[in-house]
Amino acid sequence: MSNTVRLLAFAGARDVLGASELVFPLDAPCTAEELLHHVCSRFPALVPYRRSIRVAVNGAYARPDEEVRSGDEVALIPPVAGG
């Protein structure tokens, strides 16, 4: 069985990824920050948003050093604006 996470993308991140959900390969357990780096490497148009994107793992906001494991649900949440 391959190691993957279910990647959810919202707002501008969804536009960059071209989908609201995708399966993303995971070579080994990594931190939330490392996963975001891998996603930005695969989707370079996401790089300008990297510093402002919040990462949630399994429904809760994650610290940058929080471990992400195969089978986790990871959400990329850019800043929300509006009124």
PDB file of N, CA and C in Angstrom:
ATOM      1  N   MET A   1       0.845  -1.181   0.000  1.00  0.00           N
ATOM      2  CA  MET A   1       0.000   0.000   0.000  1.00  0.00           C
ATOM      3  C   MET A   1       0.888   1.241   0.000  1.00  0.00           C
ATOM      4  N   SER A   2       0.570   2.209  -0.844  1.00  0.00           N
ATOM      5  CA  SER A   2       1.388   3.413  -0.914  1.00  0.00           C
ATOM      6  C   SER A   2       1.036   4.357   0.228  1.00  0.00           C
ATOM      7  N   ASN A   3       2.001   5.169   0.593  1.00  0.00           N
ATOM      8  CA  ASN A   3       1.794   6.156   1.642  1.00  0.00           C
ATOM      9  C   ASN A   3       1.274   7.434   1.015  1.00  0.00           C
ATOM     10  N   THR A   4       0.091   7.835   1.421  1.00  0.00           N
ATOM     11  CA  THR A   4      -0.523   9.041   0.880  1.00  0.00           C
ATOM     12  C   THR A   4      -1.278   9.773   1.984  1.00  0.00           C
ATOM     13  N   VAL A   5      -1.557  11.045   1.723  1.00  0.00           N
ATOM     14  CA  VAL A   5      -2.462  11.818   2.556  1.00  0.00           C
ATOM     15  C   VAL A   5      -3.574  12.340   1.658  1.00  0.00           C
ATOM     16  N   ARG A   6      -4.714  12.589   2.251  1.00  0.00           N
ATOM     17  CA  ARG A   6      -5.824  13.209   1.533  1.00  0.00           C
ATOM     18  C   ARG A   6      -5.646  14.710   1.706  1.00  0.00           C
ATOM     19  N   LEU A   7      -5.377  15.398   0.625  1.00  0.00           N
ATOM     20  CA  LEU A   7      -5.079  16.825   0.653  1.00  0.00           C
ATOM     21  C   LEU A   7      -6.324  17.604   0.238  1.00  0.00           C
ATOM     22  N   LEU A   8      -6.785  18.474   1.123  1.00  0.00           N
ATOM     23  CA  LEU A   8      -7.934  19.333   0.847  1.00  0.00           C
ATOM     24  C   LEU A   8      -7.427  20.751   0.643  1.00  0.00           C
ATOM     25  N   ALA A   9      -7.943  21.438  -0.357  1.00  0.00           N
ATOM     26  CA  ALA A   9      -7.498  22.800  -0.648  1.00  0.00           C
ATOM     27  C   ALA A   9      -8.710  23.718  -0.736  1.00  0.00           C
ATOM     28  N   PHE A  10      -8.557  24.903  -0.181  1.00  0.00           N
ATOM     29  CA  PHE A  10      -9.656  25.859  -0.132  1.00  0.00           C
ATOM     30  C   PHE A  10      -9.250  27.177  -0.773  1.00  0.00           C
ATOM     31  N   ALA A  11     -10.246  27.903  -1.267  1.00  0.00           N
ATOM     32  CA  ALA A  11     -10.086  29.249  -1.832  1.00  0.00           C
ATOM     33  C   ALA A  11      -8.960  29.288  -2.872  1.00  0.00           C
ATOM     34  N   GLY A  12      -8.000  30.198  -2.715  1.00  0.00           N
ATOM     35  CA  GLY A  12      -6.916  30.357  -3.689  1.00  0.00           C
ATOM     36  C   GLY A  12      -6.063  29.117  -3.842  1.00  0.00           C
ATOM     37  N   ALA A  13      -5.877  28.365  -2.752  1.00  0.00           N
ATOM     38  CA  ALA A  13      -5.094  27.124  -2.837  1.00  0.00           C
ATOM     39  C   ALA A  13      -5.793  26.122  -3.752  1.00  0.00           C
ATOM     40  N   ARG A  14      -7.107  26.067  -3.676  1.00  0.00           N
ATOM     41  CA  ARG A  14      -7.879  25.172  -4.553  1.00  0.00           C
ATOM     42  C   ARG A  14      -7.695  25.582  -6.008  1.00  0.00           C
ATOM     43  N   ASP A  15      -7.708  26.881  -6.259  1.00  0.00           N
ATOM     44  CA  ASP A  15      -7.524  27.368  -7.629  1.00  0.00           C
ATOM     45  C   ASP A  15      -6.156  26.969  -8.179  1.00  0.00           C
ATOM     46  N   VAL A  16      -5.122  27.086  -7.355  1.00  0.00           N
ATOM     47  CA  VAL A  16      -3.763  26.742  -7.788  1.00  0.00           C
ATOM     48  C   VAL A  16      -3.631  25.246  -8.038  1.00  0.00           C
ATOM     49  N   LEU A  17      -4.182  24.423  -7.147  1.00  0.00           N
ATOM     50  CA  LEU A  17      -4.072  22.973  -7.291  1.00  0.00           C
ATOM     51  C   LEU A  17      -4.996  22.430  -8.377  1.00  0.00           C
ATOM     52  N   GLY A  18      -6.020  23.197  -8.733  1.00  0.00           N
ATOM     53  CA  GLY A  18      -6.950  22.759  -9.766  1.00  0.00           C
ATOM     54  C   GLY A  18      -7.972  21.753  -9.282  1.00  0.00           C
ATOM     55  N   ALA A  19      -8.054  21.565  -7.971  1.00  0.00           N
ATOM     56  CA  ALA A  19      -9.013  20.625  -7.387  1.00  0.00           C
ATOM     57  C   ALA A  19      -9.173  20.960  -5.910  1.00  0.00           C
ATOM     58  N   SER A  20     -10.315  20.602  -5.358  1.00  0.00           N
ATOM     59  CA  SER A  20     -10.523  20.837  -3.931  1.00  0.00           C
ATOM     60  C   SER A  20      -9.989  19.686  -3.086  1.00  0.00           C
ATOM     61  N   GLU A  21      -9.738  18.569  -3.733  1.00  0.00           N
ATOM     62  CA  GLU A  21      -9.232  17.398  -3.007  1.00  0.00           C
ATOM     63  C   GLU A  21      -8.366  16.566  -3.934  1.00  0.00           C
ATOM     64  N   LEU A  22      -7.255  16.070  -3.401  1.00  0.00           N
ATOM     65  CA  LEU A  22      -6.436  15.138  -4.165  1.00  0.00           C
ATOM     66  C   LEU A  22      -5.651  14.251  -3.215  1.00  0.00           C
ATOM     67  N   VAL A  23      -5.180  13.156  -3.747  1.00  0.00           N
ATOM     68  CA  VAL A  23      -4.343  12.234  -2.979  1.00  0.00           C
ATOM     69  C   VAL A  23      -2.899  12.626  -3.253  1.00  0.00           C
ATOM     70  N   PHE A  24      -2.155  12.877  -2.176  1.00  0.00           N
ATOM     71  CA  PHE A  24      -0.781  13.357  -2.319  1.00  0.00           C
ATOM     72  C   PHE A  24       0.168  12.310  -1.758  1.00  0.00           C
ATOM     73  N   PRO A  25       1.212  11.941  -2.513  1.00  0.00           N
ATOM     74  CA  PRO A  25       2.149  10.915  -2.039  1.00  0.00           C
ATOM     75  C   PRO A  25       2.981  11.408  -0.859  1.00  0.00           C
ATOM     76  N   LEU A  26       3.275  10.492   0.024  1.00  0.00           N
ATOM     77  CA  LEU A  26       4.074  10.785   1.210  1.00  0.00           C
ATOM     78  C   LEU A  26       5.147   9.718   1.300  1.00  0.00           C
ATOM     79  N   ASP A  27       6.407  10.105   1.084  1.00  0.00           N
ATOM     80  CA  ASP A  27       7.504   9.137   1.107  1.00  0.00           C
ATOM     81  C   ASP A  27       7.708   8.542   2.488  1.00  0.00           C
ATOM     82  N   ALA A  28       7.527   9.362   3.502  1.00  0.00           N
ATOM     83  CA  ALA A  28       7.726   8.946   4.892  1.00  0.00           C
ATOM     84  C   ALA A  28       6.999   9.960   5.763  1.00  0.00           C
ATOM     85  N   PRO A  29       6.781   9.637   7.026  1.00  0.00           N
ATOM     86  CA  PRO A  29       6.191  10.655   7.893  1.00  0.00           C
ATOM     87  C   PRO A  29       7.028  11.932   7.830  1.00  0.00           C
ATOM     88  N   CYS A  30       6.358  13.070   7.886  1.00  0.00           N
ATOM     89  CA  CYS A  30       7.048  14.354   7.836  1.00  0.00           C
ATOM     90  C   CYS A  30       6.266  15.338   8.685  1.00  0.00           C
ATOM     91  N   THR A  31       6.782  16.533   8.824  1.00  0.00           N
ATOM     92  CA  THR A  31       6.063  17.555   9.574  1.00  0.00           C
ATOM     93  C   THR A  31       5.094  18.286   8.645  1.00  0.00           C
ATOM     94  N   ALA A  32       4.185  19.036   9.238  1.00  0.00           N
ATOM     95  CA  ALA A  32       3.246  19.828   8.446  1.00  0.00           C
ATOM     96  C   ALA A  32       4.004  20.819   7.560  1.00  0.00           C
ATOM     97  N   GLU A  33       5.060  21.418   8.104  1.00  0.00           N
ATOM     98  CA  GLU A  33       5.869  22.368   7.329  1.00  0.00           C
ATOM     99  C   GLU A  33       6.567  21.676   6.158  1.00  0.00           C
ATOM    100  N   GLU A  34       7.102  20.490   6.396  1.00  0.00           N
ATOM    101  CA  GLU A  34       7.767  19.747   5.318  1.00  0.00           C
ATOM    102  C   GLU A  34       6.771  19.345   4.234  1.00  0.00           C
ATOM    103  N   LEU A  35       5.569  18.954   4.638  1.00  0.00           N
ATOM    104  CA  LEU A  35       4.555  18.589   3.651  1.00  0.00           C
ATOM    105  C   LEU A  35       4.185  19.802   2.801  1.00  0.00           C
ATOM    106  N   LEU A  36       4.017  20.950   3.439  1.00  0.00           N
ATOM    107  CA  LEU A  36       3.704  22.163   2.686  1.00  0.00           C
ATOM    108  C   LEU A  36       4.824  22.478   1.693  1.00  0.00           C
ATOM    109  N   HIS A  37       6.062  22.266   2.100  1.00  0.00           N
ATOM    110  CA  HIS A  37       7.205  22.456   1.189  1.00  0.00           C
ATOM    111  C   HIS A  37       7.090  21.510  -0.015  1.00  0.00           C
ATOM    112  N   HIS A  38       6.751  20.241   0.232  1.00  0.00           N
ATOM    113  CA  HIS A  38       6.612  19.262  -0.858  1.00  0.00           C
ATOM    114  C   HIS A  38       5.476  19.656  -1.807  1.00  0.00           C
ATOM    115  N   VAL A  39       4.366  20.119  -1.234  1.00  0.00           N
ATOM    116  CA  VAL A  39       3.231  20.533  -2.064  1.00  0.00           C
ATOM    117  C   VAL A  39       3.635  21.735  -2.927  1.00  0.00           C
ATOM    118  N   CYS A  40       4.341  22.695  -2.332  1.00  0.00           N
ATOM    119  CA  CYS A  40       4.791  23.872  -3.094  1.00  0.00           C
ATOM    120  C   CYS A  40       5.796  23.491  -4.176  1.00  0.00           C
ATOM    121  N   SER A  41       6.587  22.460  -3.926  1.00  0.00           N
ATOM    122  CA  SER A  41       7.532  21.992  -4.952  1.00  0.00           C
ATOM    123  C   SER A  41       6.792  21.411  -6.146  1.00  0.00           C
ATOM    124  N   ARG A  42       5.704  20.723  -5.876  1.00  0.00           N
ATOM    125  CA  ARG A  42       4.917  20.120  -6.954  1.00  0.00           C
ATOM    126  C   ARG A  42       4.022  21.148  -7.648  1.00  0.00           C
ATOM    127  N   PHE A  43       3.594  22.159  -6.897  1.00  0.00           N
ATOM    128  CA  PHE A  43       2.718  23.208  -7.426  1.00  0.00           C
ATOM    129  C   PHE A  43       3.367  24.570  -7.166  1.00  0.00           C
ATOM    130  N   PRO A  44       4.355  24.961  -7.984  1.00  0.00           N
ATOM    131  CA  PRO A  44       5.115  26.195  -7.740  1.00  0.00           C
ATOM    132  C   PRO A  44       4.260  27.461  -7.657  1.00  0.00           C
ATOM    133  N   ALA A  45       3.101  27.477  -8.283  1.00  0.00           N
ATOM    134  CA  ALA A  45       2.241  28.666  -8.208  1.00  0.00           C
ATOM    135  C   ALA A  45       1.725  28.904  -6.790  1.00  0.00           C
ATOM    136  N   LEU A  46       1.867  27.919  -5.920  1.00  0.00           N
ATOM    137  CA  LEU A  46       1.436  28.047  -4.530  1.00  0.00           C
ATOM    138  C   LEU A  46       2.483  28.762  -3.667  1.00  0.00           C
ATOM    139  N   VAL A  47       3.713  28.845  -4.144  1.00  0.00           N
ATOM    140  CA  VAL A  47       4.820  29.417  -3.355  1.00  0.00           C
ATOM    141  C   VAL A  47       4.514  30.823  -2.822  1.00  0.00           C
ATOM    142  N   PRO A  48       3.948  31.745  -3.610  1.00  0.00           N
ATOM    143  CA  PRO A  48       3.685  33.084  -3.071  1.00  0.00           C
ATOM    144  C   PRO A  48       2.732  33.084  -1.868  1.00  0.00           C
ATOM    145  N   TYR A  49       1.923  32.058  -1.723  1.00  0.00           N
ATOM    146  CA  TYR A  49       0.950  31.979  -0.630  1.00  0.00           C
ATOM    147  C   TYR A  49       1.466  31.182   0.567  1.00  0.00           C
ATOM    148  N   ARG A  50       2.632  30.590   0.422  1.00  0.00           N
ATOM    149  CA  ARG A  50       3.121  29.622   1.415  1.00  0.00           C
ATOM    150  C   ARG A  50       3.152  30.175   2.840  1.00  0.00           C
ATOM    151  N   ARG A  51       3.633  31.378   3.015  1.00  0.00           N
ATOM    152  CA  ARG A  51       3.772  31.934   4.369  1.00  0.00           C
ATOM    153  C   ARG A  51       2.429  32.204   5.031  1.00  0.00           C
ATOM    154  N   SER A  52       1.381  32.375   4.245  1.00  0.00           N
ATOM    155  CA  SER A  52       0.080  32.708   4.827  1.00  0.00           C
ATOM    156  C   SER A  52      -0.871  31.518   4.921  1.00  0.00           C
ATOM    157  N   ILE A  53      -0.501  30.389   4.359  1.00  0.00           N
ATOM    158  CA  ILE A  53      -1.372  29.210   4.404  1.00  0.00           C
ATOM    159  C   ILE A  53      -1.280  28.549   5.771  1.00  0.00           C
ATOM    160  N   ARG A  54      -2.440  28.243   6.339  1.00  0.00           N
ATOM    161  CA  ARG A  54      -2.498  27.455   7.573  1.00  0.00           C
ATOM    162  C   ARG A  54      -2.725  26.005   7.165  1.00  0.00           C
ATOM    163  N   VAL A  55      -2.110  25.101   7.903  1.00  0.00           N
ATOM    164  CA  VAL A  55      -2.255  23.667   7.647  1.00  0.00           C
ATOM    165  C   VAL A  55      -3.061  23.066   8.788  1.00  0.00           C
ATOM    166  N   ALA A  56      -4.067  22.289   8.439  1.00  0.00           N
ATOM    167  CA  ALA A  56      -4.843  21.553   9.434  1.00  0.00           C
ATOM    168  C   ALA A  56      -4.655  20.065   9.161  1.00  0.00           C
ATOM    169  N   VAL A  57      -4.474  19.303  10.224  1.00  0.00           N
ATOM    170  CA  VAL A  57      -4.310  17.856  10.112  1.00  0.00           C
ATOM    171  C   VAL A  57      -5.450  17.195  10.876  1.00  0.00           C
ATOM    172  N   ASN A  58      -6.204  16.383  10.161  1.00  0.00           N
ATOM    173  CA  ASN A  58      -7.335  15.667  10.753  1.00  0.00           C
ATOM    174  C   ASN A  58      -8.290  16.607  11.487  1.00  0.00           C
ATOM    175  N   GLY A  59      -8.570  17.761  10.857  1.00  0.00           N
ATOM    176  CA  GLY A  59      -9.583  18.675  11.364  1.00  0.00           C
ATOM    177  C   GLY A  59      -9.126  19.691  12.389  1.00  0.00           C
ATOM    178  N   ALA A  60      -7.844  19.714  12.733  1.00  0.00           N
ATOM    179  CA  ALA A  60      -7.342  20.682  13.716  1.00  0.00           C
ATOM    180  C   ALA A  60      -6.118  21.392  13.151  1.00  0.00           C
ATOM    181  N   TYR A  61      -6.035  22.701  13.420  1.00  0.00           N
ATOM    182  CA  TYR A  61      -4.852  23.433  12.968  1.00  0.00           C
ATOM    183  C   TYR A  61      -3.601  22.775  13.525  1.00  0.00           C
ATOM    184  N   ALA A  62      -2.587  22.665  12.679  1.00  0.00           N
ATOM    185  CA  ALA A  62      -1.353  21.961  13.047  1.00  0.00           C
ATOM    186  C   ALA A  62      -0.217  22.950  13.282  1.00  0.00           C
ATOM    187  N   ARG A  63       0.618  22.637  14.236  1.00  0.00           N
ATOM    188  CA  ARG A  63       1.873  23.371  14.418  1.00  0.00           C
ATOM    189  C   ARG A  63       2.791  22.995  13.258  1.00  0.00           C
ATOM    190  N   PRO A  64       3.724  23.861  12.879  1.00  0.00           N
ATOM    191  CA  PRO A  64       4.642  23.522  11.781  1.00  0.00           C
ATOM    192  C   PRO A  64       5.419  22.232  12.025  1.00  0.00           C
ATOM    193  N   ASP A  65       5.702  21.917  13.297  1.00  0.00           N
ATOM    194  CA  ASP A  65       6.486  20.720  13.611  1.00  0.00           C
ATOM    195  C   ASP A  65       5.630  19.485  13.896  1.00  0.00           C
ATOM    196  N   GLU A  66       4.321  19.602  13.702  1.00  0.00           N
ATOM    197  CA  GLU A  66       3.434  18.455  13.941  1.00  0.00           C
ATOM    198  C   GLU A  66       3.634  17.393  12.861  1.00  0.00           C
ATOM    199  N   GLU A  67       3.683  16.146  13.278  1.00  0.00           N
ATOM    200  CA  GLU A  67       3.926  15.051  12.338  1.00  0.00           C
ATOM    201  C   GLU A  67       2.678  14.744  11.512  1.00  0.00           C
ATOM    202  N   VAL A  68       2.900  14.511  10.235  1.00  0.00           N
ATOM    203  CA  VAL A  68       1.857  14.087   9.303  1.00  0.00           C
ATOM    204  C   VAL A  68       2.194  12.667   8.890  1.00  0.00           C
ATOM    205  N   ARG A  69       1.185  11.791   8.967  1.00  0.00           N
ATOM    206  CA  ARG A  69       1.405  10.377   8.653  1.00  0.00           C
ATOM    207  C   ARG A  69       0.499   9.937   7.500  1.00  0.00           C
ATOM    208  N   SER A  70       0.863   8.837   6.911  1.00  0.00           N
ATOM    209  CA  SER A  70       0.048   8.255   5.848  1.00  0.00           C
ATOM    210  C   SER A  70      -1.379   8.060   6.354  1.00  0.00           C
ATOM    211  N   GLY A  71      -2.339   8.415   5.513  1.00  0.00           N
ATOM    212  CA  GLY A  71      -3.740   8.264   5.863  1.00  0.00           C
ATOM    213  C   GLY A  71      -4.356   9.501   6.485  1.00  0.00           C
ATOM    214  N   ASP A  72      -3.534  10.482   6.869  1.00  0.00           N
ATOM    215  CA  ASP A  72      -4.061  11.710   7.463  1.00  0.00           C
ATOM    216  C   ASP A  72      -4.795  12.541   6.417  1.00  0.00           C
ATOM    217  N   GLU A  73      -5.719  13.360   6.901  1.00  0.00           N
ATOM    218  CA  GLU A  73      -6.388  14.348   6.066  1.00  0.00           C
ATOM    219  C   GLU A  73      -5.731  15.691   6.361  1.00  0.00           C
ATOM    220  N   VAL A  74      -5.193  16.319   5.339  1.00  0.00           N
ATOM    221  CA  VAL A  74      -4.466  17.579   5.501  1.00  0.00           C
ATOM    222  C   VAL A  74      -5.171  18.653   4.685  1.00  0.00           C
ATOM    223  N   ALA A  75      -5.528  19.751   5.353  1.00  0.00           N
ATOM    224  CA  ALA A  75      -6.196  20.857   4.675  1.00  0.00           C
ATOM    225  C   ALA A  75      -5.247  22.039   4.550  1.00  0.00           C
ATOM    226  N   LEU A  76      -5.234  22.650   3.382  1.00  0.00           N
ATOM    227  CA  LEU A  76      -4.480  23.882   3.137  1.00  0.00           C
ATOM    228  C   LEU A  76      -5.478  25.029   3.158  1.00  0.00           C
ATOM    229  N   ILE A  77      -5.319  25.916   4.143  1.00  0.00           N
ATOM    230  CA  ILE A  77      -6.298  26.974   4.356  1.00  0.00           C
ATOM    231  C   ILE A  77      -5.615  28.331   4.214  1.00  0.00           C
ATOM    232  N   PRO A  78      -5.855  29.005   3.085  1.00  0.00           N
ATOM    233  CA  PRO A  78      -5.279  30.339   2.902  1.00  0.00           C
ATOM    234  C   PRO A  78      -6.086  31.359   3.714  1.00  0.00           C
ATOM    235  N   PRO A  79      -5.564  32.578   3.856  1.00  0.00           N
ATOM    236  CA  PRO A  79      -6.319  33.603   4.576  1.00  0.00           C
ATOM    237  C   PRO A  79      -7.665  33.843   3.896  1.00  0.00           C
ATOM    238  N   VAL A  80      -8.641  34.141   4.703  1.00  0.00           N
ATOM    239  CA  VAL A  80      -9.983  34.394   4.186  1.00  0.00           C
ATOM    240  C   VAL A  80     -10.270  35.881   4.339  1.00  0.00           C
ATOM    241  N   ALA A  81     -10.763  36.487   3.286  1.00  0.00           N
ATOM    242  CA  ALA A  81     -11.112  37.906   3.326  1.00  0.00           C
ATOM    243  C   ALA A  81     -12.530  38.072   2.806  1.00  0.00           C
ATOM    244  N   GLY A  82     -13.119  39.120   3.168  1.00  0.00           N
ATOM    245  CA  GLY A  82     -14.460  39.387   2.674  1.00  0.00           C
ATOM    246  C   GLY A  82     -15.235  40.189   3.688  1.00  0.00           C
ATOM    247  N   GLY A  83     -16.459  40.420   3.356  1.00  0.00           N
ATOM    248  CA  GLY A  83     -17.230  41.239   4.281  1.00  0.00           C
ATOM    249  C   GLY A  83     -18.688  41.010   4.160  1.00  0.00           C
TER     250      GLY A  83
END
